[in-house]
């Protein structure tokens, strides 16, 4: 069984809205619903665990039925950091049944079913896989207010989500001896635990909605899908 952990427990303070950005609507549906539907419609996903702010769970459960999300198995409360929220989701998984865990940001509603399936399949073959996008800007290294070098972007990638792992690998990466609450993605912890990570090239359209500009861009892209 393949389980997706959708992490949507952030407060969205950088967005500056009255409620967390994952609950803002685009084309009549909350962003988090757009994201959940991508995983609902992916044949490679068997169940979904959703991680939300604790004070948003009750209201979300009241309104979720109309979206007919059959794969949504559990809703759990998030932690103080993203890593703690992922850990809460991981602890809710049935360890005896799950083979691959796919961790995805709730504010990335533009991932495709194909990208999800490809990343899961790569993780099945290698143990760990990250969806990435090429870096198109020229990257400069700076020190003391000056540019001191130009980094070869040919070997650089932006980490996207989902990031997929065999359950036992992700469990070891999140074990107390390896866990770091400030880690910003799962690959960081998996790397530190000593595992190699393969990658799958994805689309630059798979943006994380963080700012109002991101929201406007996602609104246009979702209209096209």
Protein backbone atom coordinates (compact mmCIF):
# COMPACT_ATOMS: atom_id res chain seq x y z
CA UNK A 1 0.00 0.00 0.00
CA UNK A 2 1.18 3.52 -0.81
CA UNK A 3 0.24 6.28 1.62
CA UNK A 4 0.37 10.02 1.04
CA UNK A 5 0.97 12.41 3.93
CA UNK A 6 -0.38 15.80 2.90
CA UNK A 7 1.10 18.46 5.17
CA UNK A 8 -1.15 21.49 5.54
CA UNK A 9 -0.59 22.53 9.15
CA UNK A 10 1.06 25.90 8.55
CA UNK A 11 -0.37 29.23 9.63
CA UNK A 12 0.42 30.97 6.34
CA UNK A 13 1.76 34.11 8.02
CA UNK A 14 3.83 35.11 4.99
CA UNK A 15 0.68 35.20 2.87
CA UNK A 16 -0.96 37.74 5.16
CA UNK A 17 -4.56 36.43 5.00
CA UNK A 18 -7.06 36.16 7.84
CA UNK A 19 -7.01 32.35 7.63
CA UNK A 20 -4.30 29.87 6.63
CA UNK A 21 -3.72 30.02 2.87
CA UNK A 22 -4.49 26.34 2.35
CA UNK A 23 -8.14 27.10 3.11
CA UNK A 24 -8.42 30.02 0.69
CA UNK A 25 -10.54 29.23 -2.36
CA UNK A 26 -9.50 29.08 -6.00
CA UNK A 27 -12.30 28.54 -8.51
CA UNK A 28 -14.76 27.70 -5.74
CA UNK A 29 -12.66 25.16 -3.85
CA UNK A 30 -10.09 25.52 -1.05
CA UNK A 31 -6.48 25.09 -2.14
CA UNK A 32 -6.13 22.03 0.07
CA UNK A 33 -9.05 20.35 -1.74
CA UNK A 34 -7.38 20.93 -5.11
CA UNK A 35 -4.28 19.25 -3.70
CA UNK A 36 -6.15 16.33 -2.16
CA UNK A 37 -7.97 15.69 -5.43
CA UNK A 38 -4.65 15.26 -7.25
CA UNK A 39 -3.81 12.37 -4.92
CA UNK A 40 -7.38 11.05 -4.90
CA UNK A 41 -7.18 10.73 -8.68
CA UNK A 42 -3.74 9.08 -8.73
CA UNK A 43 -3.99 5.30 -9.08
CA UNK A 44 -0.63 4.85 -7.32
CA UNK A 45 -2.03 6.24 -4.05
CA UNK A 46 -4.08 3.97 -1.80
CA UNK A 47 -4.73 6.23 1.19
CA UNK A 48 -4.20 9.78 2.35
CA UNK A 49 -3.33 11.13 5.78
CA UNK A 50 -3.97 14.86 6.09
CA UNK A 51 -2.13 16.99 8.66
CA UNK A 52 -3.93 20.20 9.65
CA UNK A 53 -3.69 22.89 12.35
CA UNK A 54 -5.44 21.47 15.39
CA UNK A 55 -7.96 24.31 15.56
CA UNK A 56 -8.99 23.82 11.92
CA UNK A 57 -9.74 20.08 12.02
CA UNK A 58 -13.32 20.22 13.28
CA UNK A 59 -14.47 22.80 10.75
CA UNK A 60 -12.72 20.95 7.93
CA UNK A 61 -14.39 17.66 8.87
CA UNK A 62 -17.79 19.35 8.76
CA UNK A 63 -17.24 20.53 5.19
CA UNK A 64 -15.24 17.65 3.70
CA UNK A 65 -18.10 15.28 2.84
CA UNK A 66 -19.24 17.15 -0.25
CA UNK A 67 -15.90 16.51 -1.97
CA UNK A 68 -16.17 12.68 -1.89
CA UNK A 69 -12.52 12.02 -1.02
CA UNK A 70 -12.63 8.25 -0.62
CA UNK A 71 -8.89 7.83 -0.01
CA UNK A 72 -8.75 10.29 2.91
CA UNK A 73 -8.21 7.87 5.80
CA UNK A 74 -7.16 10.10 8.71
CA UNK A 75 -6.84 13.75 9.71
CA UNK A 76 -4.23 14.46 12.38
CA UNK A 77 -3.03 17.58 14.13
CA UNK A 78 0.20 19.23 13.07
CA UNK A 79 3.17 20.16 15.22
CA UNK A 80 5.10 23.34 15.83
CA UNK A 81 7.27 22.83 12.72
CA UNK A 82 6.83 21.17 9.33
CA UNK A 83 9.05 18.27 10.38
CA UNK A 84 6.99 17.69 13.52
CA UNK A 85 3.82 17.74 11.42
CA UNK A 86 5.25 15.10 9.07
CA UNK A 87 6.22 13.01 12.10
CA UNK A 88 2.64 13.17 13.39
CA UNK A 89 1.44 11.98 10.00
CA UNK A 90 4.03 9.23 9.92
CA UNK A 91 2.97 8.02 13.35
CA UNK A 92 -0.61 7.66 12.04
CA UNK A 93 0.43 5.22 9.29
CA UNK A 94 -0.24 1.51 9.50
CA UNK A 95 3.36 0.26 9.46
CA UNK A 96 2.37 -3.28 8.66
CA UNK A 97 0.62 -2.38 5.42
CA UNK A 98 2.47 0.61 3.98
CA UNK A 99 5.27 0.16 1.46
CA UNK A 100 5.85 3.69 0.10
CA UNK A 101 5.17 7.00 1.84
CA UNK A 102 4.72 10.11 -0.31
CA UNK A 103 5.03 13.40 1.58
CA UNK A 104 3.51 16.44 -0.13
CA UNK A 105 2.92 20.09 0.69
CA UNK A 106 -0.76 20.95 1.00
CA UNK A 107 -0.12 24.27 -0.74
CA UNK A 108 1.10 22.58 -3.95
CA UNK A 109 -2.19 21.99 -5.82
CA UNK A 110 -0.61 21.72 -9.28
CA UNK A 111 1.26 18.44 -8.97
CA UNK A 112 0.11 15.89 -11.55
CA UNK A 113 -0.94 12.28 -11.04
CA UNK A 114 1.87 11.28 -13.38
CA UNK A 115 4.50 13.07 -11.27
CA UNK A 116 3.16 11.41 -8.13
CA UNK A 117 3.20 7.96 -9.72
CA UNK A 118 6.67 8.38 -11.23
CA UNK A 119 8.18 9.49 -7.92
CA UNK A 120 6.54 6.60 -6.07
CA UNK A 121 7.84 4.12 -8.63
CA UNK A 122 11.37 5.54 -8.39
CA UNK A 123 11.23 5.21 -4.60
CA UNK A 124 10.04 1.63 -4.93
CA UNK A 125 13.09 0.82 -7.04
CA UNK A 126 15.71 2.84 -5.14
CA UNK A 127 14.33 3.39 -1.64
CA UNK A 128 14.01 7.17 -1.80
CA UNK A 129 13.09 9.69 -4.51
CA UNK A 130 12.46 13.42 -4.73
CA UNK A 131 10.50 15.27 -7.39
CA UNK A 132 12.67 18.17 -8.60
CA UNK A 133 12.74 21.00 -11.12
CA UNK A 134 15.69 22.41 -13.01
CA UNK A 135 17.19 25.72 -11.92
CA UNK A 136 16.83 28.21 -14.76
CA UNK A 137 18.25 31.34 -13.13
CA UNK A 138 21.97 32.04 -12.92
CA UNK A 139 23.00 31.47 -9.30
CA UNK A 140 25.56 33.74 -7.66
CA UNK A 141 27.55 33.13 -4.48
CA UNK A 142 27.83 36.24 -2.30
CA UNK A 143 30.07 37.20 0.62
CA UNK A 144 30.33 40.50 2.50
CA UNK A 145 28.01 42.30 0.11
CA UNK A 146 29.82 41.18 -3.03
CA UNK A 147 29.36 38.50 -5.68
CA UNK A 148 32.29 36.12 -5.35
CA UNK A 149 31.36 33.40 -7.80
CA UNK A 150 28.87 31.84 -10.18
CA UNK A 151 27.58 28.34 -9.47
CA UNK A 152 27.16 25.89 -12.33
CA UNK A 153 23.40 25.39 -12.47
CA UNK A 154 23.67 22.23 -14.60
CA UNK A 155 24.03 20.17 -11.42
CA UNK A 156 21.43 22.08 -9.39
CA UNK A 157 17.78 21.19 -8.84
CA UNK A 158 14.94 22.72 -6.82
CA UNK A 159 13.33 20.24 -4.45
CA UNK A 160 9.60 19.87 -5.01
CA UNK A 161 7.08 17.47 -3.53
CA UNK A 162 6.06 14.73 -3.32
CA UNK A 163 9.16 13.23 -1.77
CA UNK A 164 8.72 9.46 -1.59
CA UNK A 165 10.37 6.79 0.53
CA UNK A 166 10.08 3.19 1.56
CA UNK A 167 8.36 3.28 4.93
CA UNK A 168 11.27 1.80 6.87
CA UNK A 169 13.69 4.38 5.46
CA UNK A 170 11.50 7.35 6.38
CA UNK A 171 10.85 5.82 9.79
CA UNK A 172 14.59 5.58 10.44
CA UNK A 173 15.16 9.15 9.25
CA UNK A 174 12.53 10.37 11.72
CA UNK A 175 13.86 8.27 14.61
CA UNK A 176 14.92 10.32 17.66
CA UNK A 177 18.63 9.94 16.93
CA UNK A 178 18.21 11.44 13.44
CA UNK A 179 15.25 13.80 13.87
CA UNK A 180 15.71 17.55 13.50
CA UNK A 181 12.58 19.61 14.11
CA UNK A 182 13.88 22.48 11.97
CA UNK A 183 14.37 20.33 8.83
CA UNK A 184 12.50 21.90 5.92
CA UNK A 185 12.05 18.72 3.90
CA UNK A 186 12.19 14.96 4.35
CA UNK A 187 15.15 14.47 2.03
CA UNK A 188 17.36 16.39 4.45
CA UNK A 189 16.65 13.90 7.22
CA UNK A 190 16.95 10.91 4.90
CA UNK A 191 20.32 12.20 3.64
CA UNK A 192 21.54 12.66 7.22
CA UNK A 193 20.46 9.12 8.04
CA UNK A 194 22.83 7.88 5.35
CA UNK A 195 20.50 7.01 2.47
CA UNK A 196 20.99 7.98 -1.17
CA UNK A 197 18.07 9.75 -2.86
CA UNK A 198 17.14 9.44 -6.52
CA UNK A 199 15.30 12.21 -8.34
CA UNK A 200 12.50 12.59 -10.85
CA UNK A 201 12.34 15.67 -13.07
CA UNK A 202 9.03 17.47 -12.61
CA UNK A 203 7.33 20.57 -13.90
CA UNK A 204 8.14 24.09 -12.74
CA UNK A 205 4.36 24.60 -12.59
CA UNK A 206 4.32 22.55 -9.39
CA UNK A 207 4.62 25.70 -7.28
CA UNK A 208 4.10 26.08 -3.57
CA UNK A 209 1.62 28.87 -2.86
CA UNK A 210 3.41 31.12 -0.39
CA UNK A 211 2.67 34.68 -1.55
CA UNK A 212 -0.25 36.46 -3.17
CA UNK A 213 1.68 36.40 -6.44
CA UNK A 214 1.86 32.59 -6.18
CA UNK A 215 -1.90 32.53 -5.55
CA UNK A 216 -2.61 34.57 -8.68
CA UNK A 217 -0.33 32.34 -10.76
CA UNK A 218 -1.95 29.17 -9.41
CA UNK A 219 -5.38 30.60 -10.18
CA UNK A 220 -4.42 30.93 -13.84
CA UNK A 221 -2.80 27.49 -14.04
CA UNK A 222 -5.68 25.68 -12.31
CA UNK A 223 -8.12 27.23 -14.77
CA UNK A 224 -6.20 25.46 -17.54
CA UNK A 225 -6.45 22.00 -15.95
